[in-house]
N, C-alpha and C. Protein backbone atom coordinates (compact mmCIF):
# COMPACT_ATOMS: atom_id res chain seq x y z
N UNK A 1 -5.53 42.03 -32.64
CA UNK A 1 -6.39 40.85 -32.56
C UNK A 1 -7.42 40.83 -31.53
N UNK A 2 -8.48 40.52 -31.80
CA UNK A 2 -9.59 40.55 -30.72
C UNK A 2 -10.23 39.08 -30.75
N UNK A 3 -10.76 38.94 -29.53
CA UNK A 3 -11.40 37.58 -29.41
C UNK A 3 -12.89 37.70 -29.86
N UNK A 4 -13.18 36.71 -30.67
CA UNK A 4 -14.59 36.69 -30.99
C UNK A 4 -15.47 35.89 -30.06
N UNK A 5 -16.70 36.35 -29.81
CA UNK A 5 -17.49 35.62 -28.77
C UNK A 5 -18.03 34.48 -29.51
N UNK A 6 -18.16 33.32 -28.72
CA UNK A 6 -18.59 32.04 -29.15
C UNK A 6 -19.62 31.62 -28.30
N UNK A 7 -20.86 31.64 -28.55
CA UNK A 7 -21.92 31.26 -27.72
C UNK A 7 -21.99 29.89 -27.46
N UNK A 8 -21.48 28.99 -28.35
CA UNK A 8 -21.50 27.53 -28.23
C UNK A 8 -20.47 27.10 -27.00
N UNK A 9 -19.41 27.87 -26.86
CA UNK A 9 -18.54 27.65 -25.78
C UNK A 9 -19.04 27.65 -24.46
N UNK A 10 -19.88 28.78 -24.23
CA UNK A 10 -20.47 28.82 -22.96
C UNK A 10 -21.54 27.69 -22.77
N UNK A 11 -22.27 27.28 -23.78
CA UNK A 11 -23.27 26.40 -23.70
C UNK A 11 -22.61 24.96 -23.40
N UNK A 12 -21.41 24.73 -23.89
CA UNK A 12 -20.57 23.41 -23.91
C UNK A 12 -20.16 23.19 -22.58
N UNK A 13 -19.70 24.19 -21.77
CA UNK A 13 -19.02 24.13 -20.52
C UNK A 13 -19.88 23.31 -19.40
N UNK A 14 -21.03 23.53 -19.24
CA UNK A 14 -21.92 22.66 -18.38
C UNK A 14 -22.04 21.17 -18.75
N UNK A 15 -21.98 21.02 -19.98
CA UNK A 15 -22.09 19.65 -20.54
C UNK A 15 -20.72 18.84 -20.22
N UNK A 16 -19.66 19.51 -20.51
CA UNK A 16 -18.34 18.96 -20.14
C UNK A 16 -18.14 18.71 -18.64
N UNK A 17 -18.64 19.71 -17.79
CA UNK A 17 -18.54 19.45 -16.42
C UNK A 17 -19.44 18.23 -16.00
N UNK A 18 -20.58 18.16 -16.58
CA UNK A 18 -21.43 16.93 -16.30
C UNK A 18 -20.76 15.57 -16.59
N UNK A 19 -20.09 15.57 -17.73
CA UNK A 19 -19.44 14.30 -18.38
C UNK A 19 -18.41 13.95 -17.35
N UNK A 20 -17.60 14.97 -16.86
CA UNK A 20 -16.54 14.74 -15.93
C UNK A 20 -17.05 14.26 -14.68
N UNK A 21 -18.17 14.80 -14.06
CA UNK A 21 -18.69 14.33 -12.83
C UNK A 21 -19.23 12.93 -13.00
N UNK A 22 -19.79 12.55 -14.08
CA UNK A 22 -20.27 11.21 -14.23
C UNK A 22 -19.06 10.19 -14.36
N UNK A 23 -18.02 10.59 -15.07
CA UNK A 23 -16.86 9.59 -15.08
C UNK A 23 -16.28 9.49 -13.71
N UNK A 24 -16.17 10.45 -12.95
CA UNK A 24 -15.53 10.39 -11.63
C UNK A 24 -16.43 9.62 -10.76
N UNK A 25 -17.70 9.81 -10.89
CA UNK A 25 -18.66 9.01 -10.13
C UNK A 25 -18.57 7.57 -10.45
N UNK A 26 -18.25 7.20 -11.46
CA UNK A 26 -18.15 5.83 -11.85
C UNK A 26 -16.76 5.22 -11.45
N UNK A 27 -15.82 5.98 -11.58
CA UNK A 27 -14.39 5.58 -11.44
C UNK A 27 -14.09 5.43 -9.82
N UNK A 28 -14.36 6.45 -9.09
CA UNK A 28 -13.97 6.46 -7.69
C UNK A 28 -14.45 5.26 -6.87
N UNK A 29 -15.65 4.80 -6.92
CA UNK A 29 -15.95 3.58 -6.15
C UNK A 29 -15.14 2.40 -6.53
N UNK A 30 -14.90 2.19 -7.82
CA UNK A 30 -14.01 1.15 -8.35
C UNK A 30 -12.62 1.08 -7.74
N UNK A 31 -12.00 2.38 -7.71
CA UNK A 31 -10.67 2.51 -7.30
C UNK A 31 -10.60 2.25 -5.84
N UNK A 32 -11.70 2.72 -5.05
CA UNK A 32 -11.80 2.63 -3.61
C UNK A 32 -11.87 1.08 -3.20
N UNK A 33 -12.80 0.39 -4.06
CA UNK A 33 -12.89 -1.11 -3.76
C UNK A 33 -11.59 -1.94 -4.03
N UNK A 34 -10.85 -1.53 -5.09
CA UNK A 34 -9.61 -2.10 -5.24
C UNK A 34 -8.56 -1.82 -4.19
N UNK A 35 -8.50 -0.60 -3.67
CA UNK A 35 -7.54 -0.34 -2.64
C UNK A 35 -7.95 -0.93 -1.34
N UNK A 36 -9.22 -0.97 -1.09
CA UNK A 36 -9.77 -1.71 0.15
C UNK A 36 -9.38 -3.15 0.09
N UNK A 37 -9.54 -3.87 -0.98
CA UNK A 37 -9.37 -5.17 -1.05
C UNK A 37 -7.82 -5.49 -0.87
N UNK A 38 -7.05 -4.61 -1.51
CA UNK A 38 -5.54 -4.77 -1.42
C UNK A 38 -5.13 -4.64 0.13
N UNK A 39 -5.66 -3.57 0.69
CA UNK A 39 -5.36 -3.23 2.10
C UNK A 39 -5.70 -4.41 3.01
N UNK A 40 -6.86 -4.90 2.80
CA UNK A 40 -7.42 -6.00 3.60
C UNK A 40 -6.54 -7.29 3.44
N UNK A 41 -6.02 -7.50 2.27
CA UNK A 41 -5.04 -8.67 2.04
C UNK A 41 -3.78 -8.57 2.73
N UNK A 42 -3.20 -7.25 2.60
CA UNK A 42 -1.96 -7.05 3.33
C UNK A 42 -2.06 -7.19 4.75
N UNK A 43 -3.12 -6.55 5.39
CA UNK A 43 -3.27 -6.57 6.93
C UNK A 43 -3.53 -8.02 7.33
N UNK A 44 -4.28 -8.81 6.54
CA UNK A 44 -4.56 -10.20 6.81
C UNK A 44 -3.32 -10.99 6.89
N UNK A 45 -2.49 -10.80 5.87
CA UNK A 45 -1.14 -11.65 5.73
C UNK A 45 -0.19 -11.34 6.80
N UNK A 46 -0.07 -9.79 7.17
CA UNK A 46 0.86 -9.41 8.15
C UNK A 46 0.50 -9.96 9.48
N UNK A 47 -0.70 -9.81 9.93
CA UNK A 47 -1.19 -10.26 11.22
C UNK A 47 -1.12 -11.82 11.40
N UNK A 48 -1.49 -12.48 10.43
CA UNK A 48 -1.43 -13.98 10.52
C UNK A 48 0.16 -14.31 10.56
N UNK A 49 0.94 -13.69 9.84
CA UNK A 49 2.36 -14.03 9.82
C UNK A 49 2.97 -13.69 11.21
N UNK A 50 2.58 -12.59 11.81
CA UNK A 50 3.10 -12.25 13.08
C UNK A 50 2.68 -13.37 14.24
N UNK A 51 1.35 -13.65 14.10
CA UNK A 51 0.87 -14.65 15.12
C UNK A 51 1.42 -16.02 14.89
N UNK A 52 1.77 -16.35 13.61
CA UNK A 52 2.48 -17.74 13.35
C UNK A 52 3.85 -17.55 13.84
N UNK A 53 4.43 -16.51 13.79
CA UNK A 53 5.86 -16.33 14.40
C UNK A 53 5.80 -16.51 15.95
N UNK A 54 4.76 -15.93 16.60
CA UNK A 54 4.59 -16.16 17.98
C UNK A 54 4.40 -17.66 18.35
N UNK A 55 3.43 -18.24 17.66
CA UNK A 55 3.08 -19.78 17.91
C UNK A 55 4.31 -20.55 17.64
N UNK A 56 5.02 -20.26 16.76
CA UNK A 56 6.35 -21.21 16.42
C UNK A 56 7.33 -20.92 17.48
N UNK A 57 7.54 -19.76 17.96
CA UNK A 57 8.42 -19.55 19.12
C UNK A 57 7.93 -20.25 20.31
N UNK A 58 6.64 -20.30 20.63
CA UNK A 58 6.07 -20.96 21.81
C UNK A 58 6.28 -22.40 21.69
N UNK A 59 6.12 -22.98 20.45
CA UNK A 59 6.36 -24.50 20.19
C UNK A 59 7.91 -24.75 20.46
N UNK A 60 8.75 -23.93 19.99
CA UNK A 60 10.12 -24.20 20.23
C UNK A 60 10.65 -24.25 21.56
N UNK A 61 10.05 -23.24 22.43
CA UNK A 61 10.46 -23.21 23.82
C UNK A 61 9.67 -24.31 24.56
N UNK A 62 8.47 -24.72 24.13
CA UNK A 62 7.86 -25.83 24.94
C UNK A 62 8.69 -27.14 24.63
N UNK A 63 9.12 -27.31 23.34
CA UNK A 63 9.85 -28.55 23.02
C UNK A 63 11.23 -28.63 23.76
N UNK A 64 11.84 -27.37 23.80
CA UNK A 64 13.13 -27.36 24.48
C UNK A 64 12.92 -27.61 26.24
N UNK A 65 11.74 -27.40 26.55
CA UNK A 65 11.50 -27.59 28.01
C UNK A 65 11.77 -26.35 28.86
N UNK A 66 12.04 -25.23 28.17
CA UNK A 66 12.25 -23.97 28.92
C UNK A 66 12.81 -22.92 28.01
N UNK A 67 12.96 -21.85 28.64
CA UNK A 67 13.46 -20.56 27.92
C UNK A 67 12.55 -19.43 27.78
N UNK A 68 12.94 -18.39 27.45
CA UNK A 68 12.14 -17.17 27.30
C UNK A 68 12.71 -16.25 26.22
N UNK A 69 11.80 -15.53 25.71
CA UNK A 69 12.01 -14.60 24.61
C UNK A 69 11.10 -13.45 24.56
N UNK A 70 11.49 -12.29 24.16
CA UNK A 70 10.64 -11.19 23.93
C UNK A 70 10.58 -10.82 22.52
N UNK A 71 9.28 -10.82 21.86
CA UNK A 71 9.06 -10.60 20.45
C UNK A 71 8.40 -9.27 20.29
N UNK A 72 8.78 -8.53 19.27
CA UNK A 72 7.93 -7.36 18.92
C UNK A 72 7.03 -7.82 17.81
N UNK A 73 5.68 -7.71 18.02
CA UNK A 73 4.70 -8.05 17.01
C UNK A 73 4.11 -6.84 16.40
N UNK A 74 4.03 -6.97 15.02
CA UNK A 74 3.43 -5.72 14.29
C UNK A 74 1.97 -6.16 14.10
N UNK A 75 1.12 -5.74 14.92
CA UNK A 75 -0.30 -5.93 14.73
C UNK A 75 -1.17 -4.73 14.34
N UNK A 76 -0.57 -3.87 13.58
CA UNK A 76 -1.23 -2.60 13.23
C UNK A 76 -2.15 -2.90 11.98
N UNK A 77 -3.21 -2.07 11.88
CA UNK A 77 -4.13 -2.22 10.82
C UNK A 77 -3.70 -1.46 9.62
N UNK A 78 -4.47 -1.32 8.61
CA UNK A 78 -3.96 -0.63 7.42
C UNK A 78 -4.85 0.74 7.32
N UNK A 79 -4.87 1.21 5.99
CA UNK A 79 -5.47 2.45 5.82
C UNK A 79 -7.05 2.31 5.96
N UNK A 80 -7.58 1.11 5.44
CA UNK A 80 -9.03 0.88 5.40
C UNK A 80 -9.40 -0.27 6.31
N UNK A 81 -8.46 -1.04 6.93
CA UNK A 81 -8.80 -2.21 7.66
C UNK A 81 -8.12 -2.18 8.98
N UNK A 82 -8.78 -2.56 9.99
CA UNK A 82 -8.23 -2.56 11.37
C UNK A 82 -8.41 -3.94 12.04
N UNK A 83 -7.46 -4.08 12.95
CA UNK A 83 -7.46 -5.35 13.82
C UNK A 83 -8.43 -5.10 15.06
N UNK A 84 -9.39 -5.86 15.27
CA UNK A 84 -10.29 -5.56 16.35
C UNK A 84 -9.74 -6.26 17.78
N UNK A 85 -9.20 -7.43 17.59
CA UNK A 85 -8.73 -8.08 18.71
C UNK A 85 -7.76 -9.25 18.45
N UNK A 86 -6.94 -9.61 19.45
CA UNK A 86 -6.25 -10.87 19.40
C UNK A 86 -6.43 -11.58 20.79
N UNK A 87 -6.80 -12.75 21.00
CA UNK A 87 -6.93 -13.50 22.11
C UNK A 87 -5.97 -14.62 22.00
N UNK A 88 -5.04 -14.69 22.99
CA UNK A 88 -4.03 -15.75 23.07
C UNK A 88 -4.35 -16.70 24.30
N UNK A 89 -4.50 -18.01 23.87
CA UNK A 89 -4.59 -19.06 24.95
C UNK A 89 -5.83 -18.91 25.72
N UNK A 90 -5.86 -19.65 26.94
CA UNK A 90 -6.98 -19.80 27.81
C UNK A 90 -6.38 -20.18 29.23
N UNK A 91 -7.23 -20.51 30.06
CA UNK A 91 -6.80 -21.11 31.44
C UNK A 91 -6.14 -22.43 31.03
N UNK A 92 -4.99 -22.74 31.85
CA UNK A 92 -4.40 -24.13 31.61
C UNK A 92 -5.33 -25.33 31.54
N UNK A 93 -5.42 -26.06 30.48
CA UNK A 93 -6.38 -27.12 30.35
C UNK A 93 -7.72 -26.65 29.73
N UNK A 94 -7.85 -25.36 29.53
CA UNK A 94 -9.11 -24.73 28.90
C UNK A 94 -9.35 -25.14 27.48
N UNK A 95 -10.53 -25.03 27.00
CA UNK A 95 -10.78 -25.39 25.50
C UNK A 95 -10.04 -24.67 24.50
N UNK A 96 -9.48 -23.49 24.81
CA UNK A 96 -8.75 -22.69 23.86
C UNK A 96 -7.30 -22.43 24.25
N UNK A 97 -6.82 -23.29 25.17
CA UNK A 97 -5.51 -23.17 25.63
C UNK A 97 -4.39 -23.15 24.60
N UNK A 98 -4.70 -24.01 23.44
CA UNK A 98 -3.79 -24.04 22.37
C UNK A 98 -4.17 -23.30 21.11
N UNK A 99 -5.00 -22.18 21.28
CA UNK A 99 -5.57 -21.42 20.17
C UNK A 99 -5.19 -20.04 20.40
N UNK A 100 -4.92 -19.34 19.21
CA UNK A 100 -4.87 -17.90 19.16
C UNK A 100 -5.89 -17.47 18.22
N UNK A 101 -6.82 -16.65 18.69
CA UNK A 101 -7.98 -16.21 17.91
C UNK A 101 -7.74 -14.66 17.66
N UNK A 102 -8.30 -14.25 16.45
CA UNK A 102 -8.17 -12.88 16.17
C UNK A 102 -9.48 -12.50 15.21
N UNK A 103 -9.57 -11.20 15.15
CA UNK A 103 -10.57 -10.72 14.15
C UNK A 103 -10.18 -9.47 13.62
N UNK A 104 -10.35 -9.41 12.22
CA UNK A 104 -10.08 -8.20 11.43
C UNK A 104 -11.44 -7.69 11.06
N UNK A 105 -11.51 -6.34 11.00
CA UNK A 105 -12.78 -5.61 10.56
C UNK A 105 -13.33 -6.19 9.49
N UNK A 106 -14.69 -6.42 9.35
CA UNK A 106 -15.35 -6.88 8.18
C UNK A 106 -15.24 -8.34 8.08
N UNK A 107 -14.72 -9.12 8.89
CA UNK A 107 -14.61 -10.59 8.75
C UNK A 107 -15.05 -11.12 10.08
N UNK A 108 -15.28 -12.40 10.05
CA UNK A 108 -15.48 -13.26 11.29
C UNK A 108 -14.23 -13.61 12.01
N UNK A 109 -14.38 -14.17 13.13
CA UNK A 109 -13.17 -14.54 13.96
C UNK A 109 -12.35 -15.64 13.17
N UNK A 110 -11.16 -15.56 13.27
CA UNK A 110 -10.12 -16.58 12.75
C UNK A 110 -9.39 -17.17 13.77
N UNK A 111 -8.91 -18.44 13.75
CA UNK A 111 -8.22 -19.21 14.76
C UNK A 111 -6.93 -19.77 14.28
N UNK A 112 -5.89 -19.77 15.03
CA UNK A 112 -4.77 -20.57 14.69
C UNK A 112 -4.53 -21.52 15.86
N UNK A 113 -4.69 -22.85 15.37
CA UNK A 113 -4.50 -23.92 16.48
C UNK A 113 -3.04 -24.25 16.54
N UNK A 114 -2.51 -24.23 17.74
CA UNK A 114 -1.09 -24.62 17.91
C UNK A 114 -1.04 -26.05 18.34
N UNK A 115 -0.70 -26.78 17.18
CA UNK A 115 -0.66 -28.30 17.39
C UNK A 115 0.50 -28.78 16.65
N UNK A 116 0.94 -30.08 16.75
CA UNK A 116 2.12 -30.70 16.31
C UNK A 116 3.37 -29.95 16.58
N UNK A 117 3.77 -29.79 17.71
CA UNK A 117 3.22 -30.22 18.99
C UNK A 117 2.29 -29.21 19.56
N UNK A 118 1.31 -29.75 20.37
CA UNK A 118 0.31 -28.93 21.03
C UNK A 118 1.00 -28.27 22.18
N UNK A 119 0.74 -26.87 22.29
CA UNK A 119 1.35 -26.14 23.27
C UNK A 119 0.26 -25.30 23.95
N UNK A 120 0.04 -25.43 25.30
CA UNK A 120 -0.80 -24.71 26.06
C UNK A 120 -0.28 -23.30 26.41
N UNK A 121 -1.14 -22.26 26.24
CA UNK A 121 -0.61 -20.95 26.34
C UNK A 121 -1.70 -20.20 27.26
N UNK A 122 -1.13 -19.28 27.96
CA UNK A 122 -2.00 -18.45 28.83
C UNK A 122 -1.35 -17.07 29.15
N UNK A 123 -2.16 -16.24 29.68
CA UNK A 123 -1.56 -14.85 30.13
C UNK A 123 -0.92 -14.99 31.44
N UNK A 124 -0.35 -13.92 31.95
CA UNK A 124 0.35 -13.99 33.11
C UNK A 124 -0.53 -14.41 34.44
N UNK A 125 -1.75 -14.18 34.34
CA UNK A 125 -2.67 -14.36 35.43
C UNK A 125 -3.44 -15.71 35.18
N UNK A 126 -3.00 -16.47 34.19
CA UNK A 126 -3.51 -17.85 34.07
C UNK A 126 -4.87 -17.83 33.25
N UNK A 127 -5.15 -16.68 32.53
CA UNK A 127 -6.37 -16.54 31.69
C UNK A 127 -5.93 -16.19 30.24
N UNK A 128 -6.96 -15.87 29.44
CA UNK A 128 -6.59 -15.54 28.03
C UNK A 128 -5.91 -14.09 28.05
N UNK A 129 -4.94 -14.02 27.26
CA UNK A 129 -4.30 -12.62 27.11
C UNK A 129 -4.95 -11.94 25.97
N UNK A 130 -5.50 -10.75 26.15
CA UNK A 130 -6.21 -9.97 25.18
C UNK A 130 -5.26 -8.84 24.70
N UNK A 131 -5.19 -8.74 23.35
CA UNK A 131 -4.33 -7.63 22.70
C UNK A 131 -5.22 -7.00 21.70
N UNK A 132 -4.82 -5.60 21.52
CA UNK A 132 -5.49 -4.85 20.52
C UNK A 132 -4.47 -4.50 19.42
N UNK A 133 -4.76 -3.53 18.50
CA UNK A 133 -3.88 -3.24 17.49
C UNK A 133 -2.65 -2.46 17.92
N UNK A 134 -1.55 -2.57 17.22
CA UNK A 134 -0.50 -1.73 17.46
C UNK A 134 0.88 -2.58 17.39
N UNK A 135 2.00 -1.96 17.64
CA UNK A 135 3.20 -2.85 17.80
C UNK A 135 3.40 -3.05 19.20
N UNK A 136 3.41 -4.36 19.44
CA UNK A 136 3.51 -4.82 20.83
C UNK A 136 4.63 -5.69 21.13
N UNK A 137 5.25 -5.54 22.32
CA UNK A 137 6.30 -6.43 22.74
C UNK A 137 5.66 -7.47 23.60
N UNK A 138 5.86 -8.77 23.12
CA UNK A 138 5.33 -9.89 23.92
C UNK A 138 6.51 -10.64 24.45
N UNK A 139 6.30 -11.17 25.70
CA UNK A 139 7.31 -11.96 26.42
C UNK A 139 6.79 -13.52 26.49
N UNK A 140 7.60 -14.38 25.98
CA UNK A 140 7.13 -15.80 26.15
C UNK A 140 8.08 -16.48 27.22
N UNK A 141 7.54 -17.27 28.07
CA UNK A 141 8.27 -17.95 29.04
C UNK A 141 7.61 -19.24 29.36
N UNK A 142 8.36 -20.36 29.45
CA UNK A 142 7.66 -21.73 29.73
C UNK A 142 7.73 -21.89 31.18
N UNK A 143 6.52 -22.00 31.81
CA UNK A 143 6.30 -22.24 33.26
C UNK A 143 5.25 -23.43 33.51
N UNK A 144 5.78 -24.48 34.18
CA UNK A 144 4.80 -25.56 34.49
C UNK A 144 4.07 -26.18 33.35
N UNK A 145 4.81 -26.53 32.18
CA UNK A 145 4.39 -27.19 30.98
C UNK A 145 3.30 -26.35 30.26
N UNK A 146 3.44 -25.08 30.42
CA UNK A 146 2.51 -24.09 29.73
C UNK A 146 3.49 -22.86 29.27
N UNK A 147 3.15 -22.30 28.25
CA UNK A 147 3.80 -21.21 27.77
C UNK A 147 3.09 -19.88 28.28
N UNK A 148 3.62 -19.12 29.10
CA UNK A 148 2.97 -17.94 29.65
C UNK A 148 3.40 -16.68 28.66
N UNK A 149 2.32 -16.14 28.13
CA UNK A 149 2.51 -15.00 27.34
C UNK A 149 2.13 -13.64 27.96
N UNK A 150 3.01 -12.81 28.02
CA UNK A 150 2.67 -11.51 28.68
C UNK A 150 3.17 -10.30 27.75
N UNK A 151 2.52 -9.12 28.00
CA UNK A 151 3.01 -7.89 27.38
C UNK A 151 4.30 -7.42 28.04
N UNK A 152 5.33 -7.28 27.36
CA UNK A 152 6.61 -6.83 27.94
C UNK A 152 6.47 -5.24 28.40
N UNK A 153 6.81 -4.96 29.46
CA UNK A 153 6.67 -3.54 29.92
C UNK A 153 8.06 -2.75 29.75
């Protein structure tokens, strides 16, 4: 048996490769956009959930009149989305004393207001505590009618 030469086969190969390249060029951006949207939603929900866990613990200790706890917060980004910052509280009596602010890449700043009951929060030096992305251990402690939030060492 011998193979016959087929001139059409050689001519058809570049056309097939061109069709594959066009289909890939159309498909890849759609898949990427879907993965990006999914990743963004997952990061948003995880970070907001962790910050709500922090604010609820602060409210519980403020109502109780004292106490302390160390929480491990998962503030990691995702594959396509990252956390830019988390700002907790302000100086006692300051305008953002009962607010946790954060920003995820590609979005504006979001805020969680700690009310019902309102809890004043600040960092260990009496100012805003600034956090970045990662898994961070936070220590909460009630001092002088304010919840002091610090990074556990």
